[in-house]
């Protein structure tokens, strides 16, 4: 993804506010690397939560539900 395409998508993402979405607050794009500032996640990164945290005990139906929401 080009930096310009990323910044365009980030501008859209900053407008989203929903209890089931991690909020994107800002993008630092003055120089590379481009950094993002987003909402704090109580359980940390999703991958770590699923591999090493309480998420490793989720049922298959829950995992399918989560994966269907990730693009």
N, C-alpha and C. Protein backbone atom coordinates (compact mmCIF):
# COMPACT_ATOMS: atom_id res chain seq x y z
N UNK A 1 0.86 -1.17 0.00
CA UNK A 1 0.00 0.00 0.00
C UNK A 1 0.90 1.24 0.00
N UNK A 2 0.59 2.16 -0.85
CA UNK A 2 1.37 3.39 -0.91
C UNK A 2 1.07 4.26 0.32
N UNK A 3 2.01 5.11 0.70
CA UNK A 3 1.75 6.00 1.84
C UNK A 3 0.51 6.87 1.62
N UNK A 4 0.31 7.35 0.40
CA UNK A 4 -0.86 8.19 0.11
C UNK A 4 -2.16 7.41 0.30
N UNK A 5 -2.20 6.17 -0.19
CA UNK A 5 -3.40 5.34 -0.03
C UNK A 5 -3.66 5.06 1.44
N UNK A 6 -2.58 4.81 2.21
CA UNK A 6 -2.74 4.57 3.64
C UNK A 6 -3.32 5.79 4.33
N UNK A 7 -2.80 6.96 4.01
CA UNK A 7 -3.28 8.19 4.65
C UNK A 7 -4.74 8.47 4.31
N UNK A 8 -5.15 8.16 3.09
CA UNK A 8 -6.55 8.34 2.71
C UNK A 8 -7.45 7.40 3.51
N UNK A 9 -7.02 6.15 3.66
CA UNK A 9 -7.81 5.19 4.44
C UNK A 9 -7.83 5.58 5.91
N UNK A 10 -6.71 6.04 6.44
CA UNK A 10 -6.63 6.46 7.84
C UNK A 10 -7.57 7.63 8.12
N UNK A 11 -7.68 8.55 7.16
CA UNK A 11 -8.58 9.69 7.33
C UNK A 11 -10.02 9.22 7.50
N UNK A 12 -10.39 8.19 6.77
CA UNK A 12 -11.74 7.61 6.90
C UNK A 12 -11.87 6.90 8.24
N UNK A 13 -10.85 6.12 8.61
CA UNK A 13 -10.89 5.34 9.84
C UNK A 13 -10.98 6.23 11.08
N UNK A 14 -10.41 7.43 11.03
CA UNK A 14 -10.46 8.33 12.19
C UNK A 14 -11.88 8.79 12.50
N UNK A 15 -12.77 8.68 11.54
CA UNK A 15 -14.16 9.10 11.74
C UNK A 15 -15.01 8.03 12.41
N UNK A 16 -14.55 6.77 12.38
CA UNK A 16 -15.33 5.68 12.95
C UNK A 16 -15.30 5.70 14.47
N UNK A 17 -16.46 5.58 15.07
CA UNK A 17 -16.57 5.45 16.53
C UNK A 17 -17.64 4.42 16.82
N UNK A 18 -17.25 3.30 17.41
CA UNK A 18 -18.18 2.23 17.74
C UNK A 18 -17.57 1.44 18.88
N UNK A 19 -18.40 0.90 19.75
CA UNK A 19 -17.89 0.18 20.92
C UNK A 19 -17.13 -1.09 20.56
N UNK A 20 -17.31 -1.61 19.35
CA UNK A 20 -16.61 -2.83 18.93
C UNK A 20 -15.44 -2.57 17.99
N UNK A 21 -15.07 -1.31 17.82
CA UNK A 21 -13.93 -0.95 16.98
C UNK A 21 -12.86 -0.25 17.81
N UNK A 22 -11.62 -0.54 17.51
CA UNK A 22 -10.52 0.17 18.14
C UNK A 22 -10.44 1.54 17.47
N UNK A 23 -10.50 2.59 18.25
CA UNK A 23 -10.51 3.94 17.71
C UNK A 23 -9.11 4.35 17.23
N UNK A 24 -9.07 4.94 16.04
CA UNK A 24 -7.85 5.53 15.51
C UNK A 24 -7.91 7.02 15.82
N UNK A 25 -6.95 7.51 16.61
CA UNK A 25 -6.97 8.90 17.05
C UNK A 25 -6.14 9.82 16.16
N UNK A 26 -5.00 9.34 15.69
CA UNK A 26 -4.13 10.23 14.93
C UNK A 26 -3.16 9.42 14.08
N UNK A 27 -2.60 10.08 13.09
CA UNK A 27 -1.57 9.49 12.24
C UNK A 27 -0.42 10.49 12.20
N UNK A 28 0.77 10.01 12.51
CA UNK A 28 1.97 10.85 12.45
C UNK A 28 2.66 10.57 11.12
N UNK A 29 2.53 11.50 10.20
CA UNK A 29 2.98 11.24 8.83
C UNK A 29 3.98 12.26 8.30
N UNK A 30 4.57 13.05 9.17
CA UNK A 30 5.50 14.08 8.72
C UNK A 30 6.72 13.45 8.04
N UNK A 31 7.19 12.33 8.58
CA UNK A 31 8.30 11.59 7.98
C UNK A 31 8.09 10.11 8.21
N UNK A 32 8.78 9.29 7.46
CA UNK A 32 8.63 7.85 7.63
C UNK A 32 9.51 7.39 8.78
N UNK A 33 9.13 6.37 9.53
CA UNK A 33 7.92 5.57 9.31
C UNK A 33 6.66 6.32 9.74
N UNK A 34 5.58 6.02 9.05
CA UNK A 34 4.28 6.57 9.41
C UNK A 34 3.79 5.82 10.65
N UNK A 35 3.39 6.55 11.67
CA UNK A 35 2.94 5.94 12.92
C UNK A 35 1.48 6.24 13.16
N UNK A 36 0.80 5.35 13.87
CA UNK A 36 -0.60 5.58 14.20
C UNK A 36 -0.76 5.61 15.72
N UNK A 37 -1.74 6.39 16.17
CA UNK A 37 -2.08 6.46 17.59
C UNK A 37 -3.51 5.94 17.69
N UNK A 38 -3.67 4.84 18.43
CA UNK A 38 -5.00 4.27 18.54
C UNK A 38 -5.34 3.95 19.99
N UNK A 39 -6.60 3.63 20.19
CA UNK A 39 -7.14 3.36 21.52
C UNK A 39 -6.38 2.22 22.20
N UNK A 40 -6.22 2.32 23.51
CA UNK A 40 -5.59 1.27 24.30
C UNK A 40 -6.47 0.04 24.35
N UNK A 41 -5.87 -1.12 24.16
CA UNK A 41 -6.60 -2.39 24.21
C UNK A 41 -6.28 -3.09 25.53
N UNK A 42 -7.29 -3.33 26.35
CA UNK A 42 -7.07 -3.95 27.66
C UNK A 42 -6.36 -5.30 27.57
N UNK A 43 -6.69 -6.08 26.56
CA UNK A 43 -6.11 -7.42 26.42
C UNK A 43 -4.93 -7.45 25.46
N UNK A 44 -4.43 -6.31 25.06
CA UNK A 44 -3.26 -6.25 24.18
C UNK A 44 -3.60 -6.58 22.74
N UNK A 45 -2.59 -6.98 22.00
CA UNK A 45 -2.74 -7.30 20.59
C UNK A 45 -3.62 -8.54 20.40
N UNK A 46 -4.44 -8.52 19.37
CA UNK A 46 -5.35 -9.64 19.12
C UNK A 46 -4.59 -10.95 18.94
N UNK A 47 -3.49 -10.93 18.20
CA UNK A 47 -2.73 -12.15 17.95
C UNK A 47 -2.22 -12.76 19.26
N UNK A 48 -1.66 -11.93 20.14
CA UNK A 48 -1.19 -12.44 21.44
C UNK A 48 -2.34 -12.94 22.29
N UNK A 49 -3.46 -12.24 22.26
CA UNK A 49 -4.64 -12.65 23.02
C UNK A 49 -5.11 -14.03 22.58
N UNK A 50 -5.11 -14.27 21.27
CA UNK A 50 -5.58 -15.55 20.75
C UNK A 50 -4.57 -16.68 20.94
N UNK A 51 -3.29 -16.36 20.89
CA UNK A 51 -2.26 -17.40 20.99
C UNK A 51 -1.86 -17.73 22.42
N UNK A 52 -1.78 -16.69 23.29
CA UNK A 52 -1.22 -16.92 24.62
C UNK A 52 -2.13 -16.49 25.77
N UNK A 53 -3.18 -15.76 25.47
CA UNK A 53 -4.06 -15.25 26.51
C UNK A 53 -5.34 -16.06 26.63
N UNK A 54 -6.34 -15.47 27.24
CA UNK A 54 -7.62 -16.15 27.41
C UNK A 54 -8.28 -16.56 26.10
N UNK A 55 -7.90 -15.90 25.02
CA UNK A 55 -8.48 -16.22 23.72
C UNK A 55 -8.12 -17.60 23.20
N UNK A 56 -7.06 -18.20 23.74
CA UNK A 56 -6.67 -19.53 23.26
C UNK A 56 -7.71 -20.59 23.66
N UNK A 57 -8.62 -20.25 24.56
CA UNK A 57 -9.65 -21.18 24.99
C UNK A 57 -11.01 -20.91 24.34
N UNK A 58 -11.04 -20.02 23.35
CA UNK A 58 -12.31 -19.71 22.68
C UNK A 58 -12.79 -20.90 21.85
N UNK A 59 -14.09 -20.98 21.73
CA UNK A 59 -14.68 -22.03 20.91
C UNK A 59 -14.54 -21.66 19.43
N UNK A 60 -14.59 -22.67 18.56
CA UNK A 60 -14.42 -22.44 17.13
C UNK A 60 -15.45 -21.43 16.60
N UNK A 61 -16.66 -21.49 17.09
CA UNK A 61 -17.68 -20.54 16.61
C UNK A 61 -17.29 -19.10 16.94
N UNK A 62 -16.66 -18.88 18.10
CA UNK A 62 -16.21 -17.53 18.46
C UNK A 62 -15.05 -17.09 17.57
N UNK A 63 -14.14 -18.01 17.26
CA UNK A 63 -13.01 -17.68 16.40
C UNK A 63 -13.47 -17.34 14.99
N UNK A 64 -14.46 -18.07 14.50
CA UNK A 64 -15.01 -17.78 13.18
C UNK A 64 -15.67 -16.41 13.19
N UNK A 65 -16.40 -16.09 14.25
CA UNK A 65 -17.06 -14.79 14.37
C UNK A 65 -16.03 -13.66 14.36
N UNK A 66 -14.93 -13.82 15.09
CA UNK A 66 -13.88 -12.81 15.12
C UNK A 66 -13.24 -12.67 13.75
N UNK A 67 -12.89 -13.80 13.14
CA UNK A 67 -12.19 -13.74 11.84
C UNK A 67 -13.06 -13.16 10.74
N UNK A 68 -14.36 -13.33 10.83
CA UNK A 68 -15.25 -12.77 9.83
C UNK A 68 -15.29 -11.25 9.87
N UNK A 69 -14.86 -10.66 10.99
CA UNK A 69 -14.88 -9.22 11.14
C UNK A 69 -13.57 -8.56 10.75
N UNK A 70 -12.52 -9.37 10.56
CA UNK A 70 -11.19 -8.84 10.22
C UNK A 70 -11.03 -8.87 8.71
N UNK A 71 -10.58 -7.76 8.15
CA UNK A 71 -10.37 -7.71 6.69
C UNK A 71 -8.93 -7.73 6.36
